[in-house]
């Protein structure tokens, strides 16, 4: 049984997206309340991150874009690039903390002070492009963390596994021609799902050919199908690449109760994903893995899914009744 470093910050709640927006502060509140009262309560170590430094922000984003994001928030604009991307005065600072959570996690893992880190943060990041906010995302937390791990600690081969229900277009575009980063995304088929990218034939280009792996899933895909993909195609890809470090983009919007996708995962499926992730991390990365919260908008399913995933990751006993409960 391993301790989970739970990285979050009260200021993340100040990113105000309005009363009807699905990506609201209640997401983090629901997760925290569930974890603090459940079986994981005695196995969590809460840490507050520092804001990401400018150098590392630029590893994922253009300088002009970063200035525009900051100016848009501080000047009182209500969104950036698209009305879906709601912002307020505090949104830029919250995004800096979300991006900095990965840097904090890496420092703790590399110093031996932590082994597993869960970044319970918002705004999410995997849709953010180098110069474009998209899908509630402004800074690409995963991209910034991967670059930091590579440059600050010379961990050159980083694998990213993204099982949010939506394709992580921003992560893909950052590493599409980079052979040092393996990006694997399992998501609802782009014919049926935002953002319309992530076809199987998108496999990278130039020297990065083959290090992008997209696994689009048809609507109604359930536990058995996704777990079979993880055991087969994903495990084989990791065995070929042999990563030194592992990052997970964890979206819980594939749950059957979440209407943001047509996928049909149970709560228990996330526990099994956590168990398999722990196995991969032990085999290739000395047990070290950083997980970022991405999507998940049905609050009960989100909180239960996070608890189940972290239970599997920490190798705790099965939660009572979690097997295939919806």
Foldseek 3Di string as FASTA:
>chain_A
DAAEEEEDDPLLQVFDLDDPQLPHSVQLVLQVVLCCPDPNVVRYDYDYFDFDDPVLLLLFADPVLLVVVLCCACVAHQAFPDSSQGGHVSRSVQLRRLLRRLVVQLVCCVVVVHFHYEYSGDDAALQAARRDDDDNHRGHSVSSNVVCCCPVVVQQAEEEEEEAQEDSVRVCVSCQAPCRYAYEYEHAALVFAPPSDQDQPSQGDDNRGNRYGGHHDYFAAELVVVVVCCVPVVVVSCVVRLGQAYEYEDAQCLDCVRPNGRHHYALLSLLVVLLSVQVSCVVRHVSHYYYYYHHDRPNVSSSSNVVSNVCSNRVHDDDPPRNRHD
